[in-house]
Structure formats: C-alpha cells, structure tokens
Amino acid sequence: MSDPDCGICAGDVPPLIGQVLTGTGLTLDQAGKRLVAGEPVAGLTPVQLRLVEDYAERL
C-alpha cells in the first residue's frame, strides 16, 4: 500500500501554478521585475525565491 503523500510537493502547495507564485498574488514576471528593480519581494518561500532569482537573471 502506497502513501498518498509521496513524491514532489507531497501534500504541500506547489510553489508555482502556471505563472502565479502560490500565496503571493504575484506572477513570476512581476516578482522577477521587482527583484531586478531592487524592490522587496516579501512572502516567498525559499523555493519560490530561487525560481524568481533564476527568472530575474534572464530578464
């Protein structure tokens, strides 16, 4: 019998749904642009912050 909460994000809310950073009300693009502009991007999980940093590097 397998545990239903196994694997990636097991039972956790995913950090990104489509282009929206879960729980922030921001899209990846909006957060990336804020980061590049030196504006604060509060409320991100460590995984979300890494996604935004990677995205911002490509802007």
N, C-alpha and C. Protein backbone atom coordinates (compact mmCIF):
# COMPACT_ATOMS: atom_id res chain seq x y z
N MET A 1 0.85 -1.17 0.00
CA MET A 1 0.00 0.00 0.00
C MET A 1 0.89 1.23 0.00
N SER A 2 0.63 2.16 -0.94
CA SER A 2 1.49 3.34 -1.03
C SER A 2 0.86 4.52 -0.29
N ASP A 3 1.72 5.38 0.18
CA ASP A 3 1.32 6.59 0.89
C ASP A 3 0.84 7.62 -0.14
N PRO A 4 -0.35 8.19 -0.01
CA PRO A 4 -0.82 9.16 -0.99
C PRO A 4 -0.01 10.45 -1.00
N ASP A 5 0.69 10.75 0.09
CA ASP A 5 1.52 11.95 0.16
C ASP A 5 2.98 11.60 -0.04
N CYS A 6 3.32 11.14 -1.22
CA CYS A 6 4.72 10.85 -1.51
C CYS A 6 5.09 11.50 -2.84
N GLY A 7 6.34 11.83 -3.01
CA GLY A 7 6.80 12.45 -4.24
C GLY A 7 7.00 13.94 -4.07
N ILE A 8 7.22 14.60 -5.19
CA ILE A 8 7.48 16.04 -5.20
C ILE A 8 6.27 16.78 -4.66
N CYS A 9 6.50 17.70 -3.77
CA CYS A 9 5.46 18.55 -3.15
C CYS A 9 4.41 17.72 -2.42
N ALA A 10 4.77 16.58 -1.95
CA ALA A 10 3.83 15.66 -1.31
C ALA A 10 2.96 16.37 -0.28
N GLY A 11 1.76 16.65 -0.64
CA GLY A 11 0.83 17.28 0.29
C GLY A 11 1.05 18.76 0.48
N ASP A 12 2.13 19.32 -0.04
CA ASP A 12 2.39 20.76 0.06
C ASP A 12 1.78 21.47 -1.14
N VAL A 13 1.48 22.73 -0.96
CA VAL A 13 1.01 23.55 -2.07
C VAL A 13 2.19 23.78 -3.00
N PRO A 14 2.00 23.64 -4.31
CA PRO A 14 3.12 23.87 -5.23
C PRO A 14 3.56 25.33 -5.20
N PRO A 15 4.84 25.59 -5.40
CA PRO A 15 5.35 26.95 -5.34
C PRO A 15 4.86 27.84 -6.49
N LEU A 16 4.47 27.21 -7.58
CA LEU A 16 4.08 27.95 -8.78
C LEU A 16 2.94 27.20 -9.46
N ILE A 17 1.88 27.92 -9.76
CA ILE A 17 0.77 27.35 -10.52
C ILE A 17 0.64 28.19 -11.77
N GLY A 18 0.97 27.60 -12.90
CA GLY A 18 1.03 28.38 -14.14
C GLY A 18 2.16 29.38 -14.00
N GLN A 19 1.85 30.64 -14.04
CA GLN A 19 2.85 31.70 -13.84
C GLN A 19 2.66 32.44 -12.52
N VAL A 20 1.75 31.96 -11.68
CA VAL A 20 1.45 32.64 -10.41
C VAL A 20 2.18 31.97 -9.25
N LEU A 21 2.89 32.76 -8.49
CA LEU A 21 3.58 32.27 -7.30
C LEU A 21 2.53 32.08 -6.21
N THR A 22 2.30 30.86 -5.82
CA THR A 22 1.25 30.49 -4.89
C THR A 22 1.35 31.29 -3.59
N GLY A 23 0.23 31.89 -3.20
CA GLY A 23 0.15 32.60 -1.93
C GLY A 23 0.71 34.01 -1.94
N THR A 24 1.19 34.49 -3.09
CA THR A 24 1.78 35.83 -3.14
C THR A 24 0.94 36.84 -3.89
N GLY A 25 0.10 36.37 -4.81
CA GLY A 25 -0.65 37.28 -5.66
C GLY A 25 0.19 37.88 -6.77
N LEU A 26 1.41 37.38 -6.93
CA LEU A 26 2.31 37.89 -7.96
C LEU A 26 2.57 36.82 -9.01
N THR A 27 2.77 37.28 -10.24
CA THR A 27 3.24 36.35 -11.27
C THR A 27 4.76 36.26 -11.17
N LEU A 28 5.31 35.27 -11.81
CA LEU A 28 6.76 35.12 -11.84
C LEU A 28 7.40 36.35 -12.48
N ASP A 29 6.78 36.86 -13.53
CA ASP A 29 7.30 38.04 -14.22
C ASP A 29 7.29 39.27 -13.31
N GLN A 30 6.18 39.48 -12.60
CA GLN A 30 6.09 40.64 -11.69
C GLN A 30 7.14 40.56 -10.60
N ALA A 31 7.29 39.40 -10.00
CA ALA A 31 8.28 39.24 -8.92
C ALA A 31 9.69 39.40 -9.46
N GLY A 32 9.97 38.86 -10.63
CA GLY A 32 11.29 38.99 -11.24
C GLY A 32 11.64 40.43 -11.51
N LYS A 33 10.68 41.18 -12.05
CA LYS A 33 10.93 42.60 -12.34
C LYS A 33 11.14 43.40 -11.06
N ARG A 34 10.41 43.06 -10.00
CA ARG A 34 10.62 43.74 -8.71
C ARG A 34 12.03 43.46 -8.19
N LEU A 35 12.45 42.22 -8.28
CA LEU A 35 13.78 41.84 -7.80
C LEU A 35 14.86 42.59 -8.58
N VAL A 36 14.73 42.66 -9.90
CA VAL A 36 15.70 43.37 -10.74
C VAL A 36 15.73 44.85 -10.38
N ALA A 37 14.56 45.42 -10.07
CA ALA A 37 14.47 46.85 -9.73
C ALA A 37 14.95 47.14 -8.31
N GLY A 38 15.28 46.08 -7.55
CA GLY A 38 15.74 46.28 -6.18
C GLY A 38 14.62 46.45 -5.18
N GLU A 39 13.38 46.19 -5.63
CA GLU A 39 12.24 46.30 -4.73
C GLU A 39 12.10 45.01 -3.92
N PRO A 40 11.54 45.11 -2.73
CA PRO A 40 11.36 43.90 -1.92
C PRO A 40 10.29 42.98 -2.51
N VAL A 41 10.53 41.70 -2.39
CA VAL A 41 9.56 40.69 -2.80
C VAL A 41 9.36 39.80 -1.58
N ALA A 42 8.40 40.20 -0.74
CA ALA A 42 8.18 39.52 0.53
C ALA A 42 7.23 38.34 0.38
N GLY A 43 7.32 37.44 1.33
CA GLY A 43 6.38 36.34 1.42
C GLY A 43 6.70 35.14 0.56
N LEU A 44 7.89 35.11 -0.03
CA LEU A 44 8.27 33.98 -0.87
C LEU A 44 8.87 32.86 -0.03
N THR A 45 8.58 31.65 -0.42
CA THR A 45 9.25 30.51 0.20
C THR A 45 10.65 30.43 -0.40
N PRO A 46 11.55 29.67 0.20
CA PRO A 46 12.89 29.53 -0.38
C PRO A 46 12.85 28.99 -1.82
N VAL A 47 11.95 28.08 -2.11
CA VAL A 47 11.83 27.54 -3.47
C VAL A 47 11.35 28.62 -4.43
N GLN A 48 10.35 29.40 -4.01
CA GLN A 48 9.85 30.48 -4.85
C GLN A 48 10.92 31.53 -5.09
N LEU A 49 11.68 31.86 -4.05
CA LEU A 49 12.75 32.85 -4.21
C LEU A 49 13.76 32.38 -5.24
N ARG A 50 14.11 31.13 -5.20
CA ARG A 50 15.06 30.59 -6.18
C ARG A 50 14.49 30.66 -7.60
N LEU A 51 13.21 30.36 -7.76
CA LEU A 51 12.56 30.46 -9.06
C LEU A 51 12.59 31.90 -9.57
N VAL A 52 12.30 32.84 -8.69
CA VAL A 52 12.30 34.26 -9.06
C VAL A 52 13.71 34.72 -9.41
N GLU A 53 14.69 34.32 -8.62
CA GLU A 53 16.09 34.69 -8.90
C GLU A 53 16.53 34.16 -10.27
N ASP A 54 16.20 32.91 -10.55
CA ASP A 54 16.55 32.33 -11.85
C ASP A 54 15.87 33.09 -12.98
N TYR A 55 14.61 33.42 -12.80
CA TYR A 55 13.85 34.16 -13.81
C TYR A 55 14.47 35.56 -14.00
N ALA A 56 14.77 36.22 -12.91
CA ALA A 56 15.32 37.59 -12.96
C ALA A 56 16.66 37.62 -13.69
N GLU A 57 17.44 36.58 -13.58
CA GLU A 57 18.73 36.53 -14.28
C GLU A 57 18.55 36.56 -15.80
N ARG A 58 17.41 36.08 -16.27
CA ARG A 58 17.15 36.03 -17.71
C ARG A 58 16.48 37.30 -18.23
N LEU A 59 16.09 38.20 -17.34
CA LEU A 59 15.43 39.44 -17.79
C LEU A 59 16.42 40.42 -18.39
